[in-house]
C-alpha cells in the first residue's frame, strides 16, 4: 500500500499574510454531501447566490478547471485548485488588481455540517483599498454562507 498522494493531503489554505483576509462559518442542517452538491453545482450559483449574476465553467469540478463569473461589479476568472469531496474545495481567482484565494471547508457535526469559508486578496488594489475591501469581503462571505444555508436546507426539506 502506498502513502498518501497529493489529493489526500490537506492544502495549506489562504494567504494569511495578504493585505485582505476574511473568514466566516455557518452550521447547515444537512449532511456534508448535501452541502457539497449545492456548493459544487457551479452553474446553478446564480439561482441561489444573490451576489452571483452569471457563471460559466469549462469542464468538470476538478483541479485545473476554469470558471468565469460575475459577482457584484466584478468579472472574475477562477481556477479550481483542490477538490476533496465532500470536505474541501478551493480556487484562485483574478480580477483587475486583485488575486484571490478561496477555501471552503465542510465538517460533519452532530447530523449537520459546519461550513467555513475563507478568502485572501493580494495585489495592488488589495493594498490600496485594504480597509474597504476587507469590510466588503467579510460581508460577502457572510451573505454567501447564508445563501448556501438557505438553498441546502430548502433542498433537504423537499
Protein backbone atom coordinates (compact mmCIF):
# COMPACT_ATOMS: atom_id res chain seq x y z
CA UNK A 1 0.00 0.00 0.00
CA UNK A 2 1.42 3.38 -0.95
CA UNK A 3 1.46 6.54 1.15
CA UNK A 4 -0.89 9.45 0.69
CA UNK A 5 -0.87 11.12 -2.71
CA UNK A 6 -1.25 14.82 -3.41
CA UNK A 7 -5.05 14.55 -3.48
CA UNK A 8 -5.07 13.04 0.02
CA UNK A 9 -3.15 15.90 1.63
CA UNK A 10 -4.91 18.89 3.07
CA UNK A 11 -3.70 22.04 1.29
CA UNK A 12 -2.27 24.94 3.26
CA UNK A 13 -5.12 27.40 2.83
CA UNK A 14 -5.39 31.08 2.07
CA UNK A 15 -2.52 33.57 2.31
CA UNK A 16 -2.86 34.68 5.94
CA UNK A 17 -0.31 37.46 5.36
CA UNK A 18 -2.27 39.02 2.47
CA UNK A 19 -3.49 42.64 2.83
CA UNK A 20 -7.12 41.49 2.84
CA UNK A 21 -8.21 38.33 4.70
CA UNK A 22 -11.65 37.24 5.91
CA UNK A 23 -13.11 34.06 7.39
CA UNK A 24 -16.65 33.14 8.38
CA UNK A 25 -18.59 29.98 9.17
CA UNK A 26 -22.14 28.70 9.48
CA UNK A 27 -23.84 25.48 10.54
CA UNK A 28 -26.16 23.93 7.97
CA UNK A 29 -28.81 21.36 8.93
CA UNK A 30 -27.79 18.83 6.26
CA UNK A 31 -25.07 16.30 5.51
CA UNK A 32 -21.70 17.36 4.05
CA UNK A 33 -22.72 15.55 0.85
CA UNK A 34 -25.88 17.69 0.52
CA UNK A 35 -23.86 20.88 1.10
CA UNK A 36 -21.22 19.68 -1.36
CA UNK A 37 -23.81 19.06 -4.08
CA UNK A 38 -25.09 22.65 -3.87
CA UNK A 39 -21.66 24.24 -3.44
CA UNK A 40 -20.11 22.41 -6.41
CA UNK A 41 -23.13 22.84 -8.71
CA UNK A 42 -21.36 25.92 -10.08
CA UNK A 43 -23.71 26.65 -12.98
CA UNK A 44 -26.64 26.88 -10.52
CA UNK A 45 -24.99 29.53 -8.32
CA UNK A 46 -26.87 32.47 -9.92
CA UNK A 47 -30.19 30.83 -8.95
CA UNK A 48 -29.45 30.86 -5.20
CA UNK A 49 -26.46 33.15 -4.50
CA UNK A 50 -27.68 36.76 -4.61
CA UNK A 51 -24.24 38.15 -5.43
CA UNK A 52 -23.54 35.89 -8.45
CA UNK A 53 -25.07 37.32 -11.63
CA UNK A 54 -23.71 34.74 -14.10
CA UNK A 55 -21.28 31.82 -14.20
CA UNK A 56 -19.80 29.53 -16.84
CA UNK A 57 -17.50 26.60 -16.12
CA UNK A 58 -15.17 24.99 -18.66
CA UNK A 59 -15.49 21.32 -17.63
CA UNK A 60 -15.92 19.16 -14.57
CA UNK A 61 -15.34 20.23 -10.97
CA UNK A 62 -11.70 19.17 -10.76
CA UNK A 63 -8.27 20.75 -10.27
CA UNK A 64 -7.33 22.95 -13.23
CA UNK A 65 -10.90 23.64 -14.36
CA UNK A 66 -11.56 27.33 -15.09
CA UNK A 67 -14.82 29.14 -14.36
CA UNK A 68 -15.79 32.73 -15.08
CA UNK A 69 -18.35 34.58 -13.05
CA UNK A 70 -19.80 37.98 -12.40
CA UNK A 71 -20.16 38.86 -8.73
CA UNK A 72 -21.11 42.36 -7.74
CA UNK A 73 -19.37 44.79 -10.08
CA UNK A 74 -16.52 42.40 -10.97
CA UNK A 75 -15.99 39.69 -13.55
CA UNK A 76 -13.70 37.05 -12.06
CA UNK A 77 -11.74 34.26 -13.76
CA UNK A 78 -11.13 31.43 -11.30
CA UNK A 79 -9.24 28.15 -11.44
CA UNK A 80 -10.12 25.23 -9.17
CA UNK A 81 -7.06 24.09 -7.19
CA UNK A 82 -8.18 21.42 -4.70
CA UNK A 83 -11.18 19.10 -4.67
CA UNK A 84 -11.57 16.72 -1.71
CA UNK A 85 -15.26 15.66 -1.71
CA UNK A 86 -17.18 16.31 0.50
CA UNK A 87 -14.64 18.07 2.73
CA UNK A 88 -12.83 20.83 0.85
CA UNK A 89 -12.78 22.80 -2.37
CA UNK A 90 -10.54 25.75 -3.21
CA UNK A 91 -9.80 28.02 -6.11
CA UNK A 92 -7.81 31.06 -7.09
CA UNK A 93 -9.38 33.98 -8.87
CA UNK A 94 -8.22 37.08 -10.70
CA UNK A 95 -9.90 40.37 -11.41
CA UNK A 96 -8.47 43.83 -12.02
CA UNK A 97 -5.67 44.41 -9.49
CA UNK A 98 -6.62 41.50 -7.19
CA UNK A 99 -5.58 37.86 -6.91
CA UNK A 100 -7.86 35.91 -4.57
CA UNK A 101 -7.54 32.52 -2.89
CA UNK A 102 -10.78 30.98 -1.59
CA UNK A 103 -11.20 27.83 0.51
CA UNK A 104 -14.41 26.10 1.60
CA UNK A 105 -14.13 23.55 4.45
CA UNK A 106 -17.04 21.19 5.28
CA UNK A 107 -17.01 19.36 8.62
CA UNK A 108 -19.71 16.93 9.80
CA UNK A 109 -21.12 17.97 13.17
CA UNK A 110 -23.93 16.10 15.00
CA UNK A 111 -26.09 15.47 11.92
CA UNK A 112 -25.29 18.87 10.44
CA UNK A 113 -22.34 20.43 8.62
CA UNK A 114 -20.09 23.24 9.79
CA UNK A 115 -19.09 25.22 6.69
CA UNK A 116 -16.10 27.56 6.91
CA UNK A 117 -15.35 29.95 4.07
CA UNK A 118 -12.05 31.83 3.97
CA UNK A 119 -10.55 34.14 1.38
CA UNK A 120 -7.49 36.32 0.88
CA UNK A 121 -6.73 39.11 -1.60
CA UNK A 122 -3.27 40.07 -2.88
CA UNK A 123 -2.34 42.74 -5.39
CA UNK A 124 -2.25 46.47 -5.96
CA UNK A 125 -5.97 47.08 -5.42
CA UNK A 126 -5.95 44.94 -2.26
CA UNK A 127 -3.14 47.05 -0.81
CA UNK A 128 -4.65 50.36 -1.93
CA UNK A 129 -8.19 49.69 -0.69
CA UNK A 130 -7.35 47.30 2.17
CA UNK A 131 -9.90 48.60 4.72
CA UNK A 132 -12.84 48.89 2.34
CA UNK A 133 -12.14 45.53 0.66
CA UNK A 134 -11.80 43.71 3.98
CA UNK A 135 -15.21 45.01 5.07
CA UNK A 136 -16.75 44.14 1.68
CA UNK A 137 -15.21 40.65 1.68
CA UNK A 138 -16.36 39.88 5.23
CA UNK A 139 -19.93 40.89 4.28
CA UNK A 140 -19.76 38.84 1.05
CA UNK A 141 -18.62 35.70 2.90
CA UNK A 142 -21.44 36.05 5.46
CA UNK A 143 -24.05 36.64 2.74
CA UNK A 144 -22.76 33.75 0.60
CA UNK A 145 -22.83 31.37 3.58
CA UNK A 146 -26.39 32.48 4.41
CA UNK A 147 -27.49 31.94 0.81
CA UNK A 148 -25.83 28.49 0.77
CA UNK A 149 -27.55 27.53 4.04
CA UNK A 150 -30.99 28.59 2.74
CA UNK A 151 -30.56 26.67 -0.51
CA UNK A 152 -29.19 23.47 1.04
CA UNK A 153 -31.87 23.41 3.75
CA UNK A 154 -34.59 24.20 1.18
CA UNK A 155 -33.46 21.27 -0.99
CA UNK A 156 -33.11 18.97 2.03
CA UNK A 157 -36.66 19.69 3.21
CA UNK A 158 -38.23 19.00 -0.22
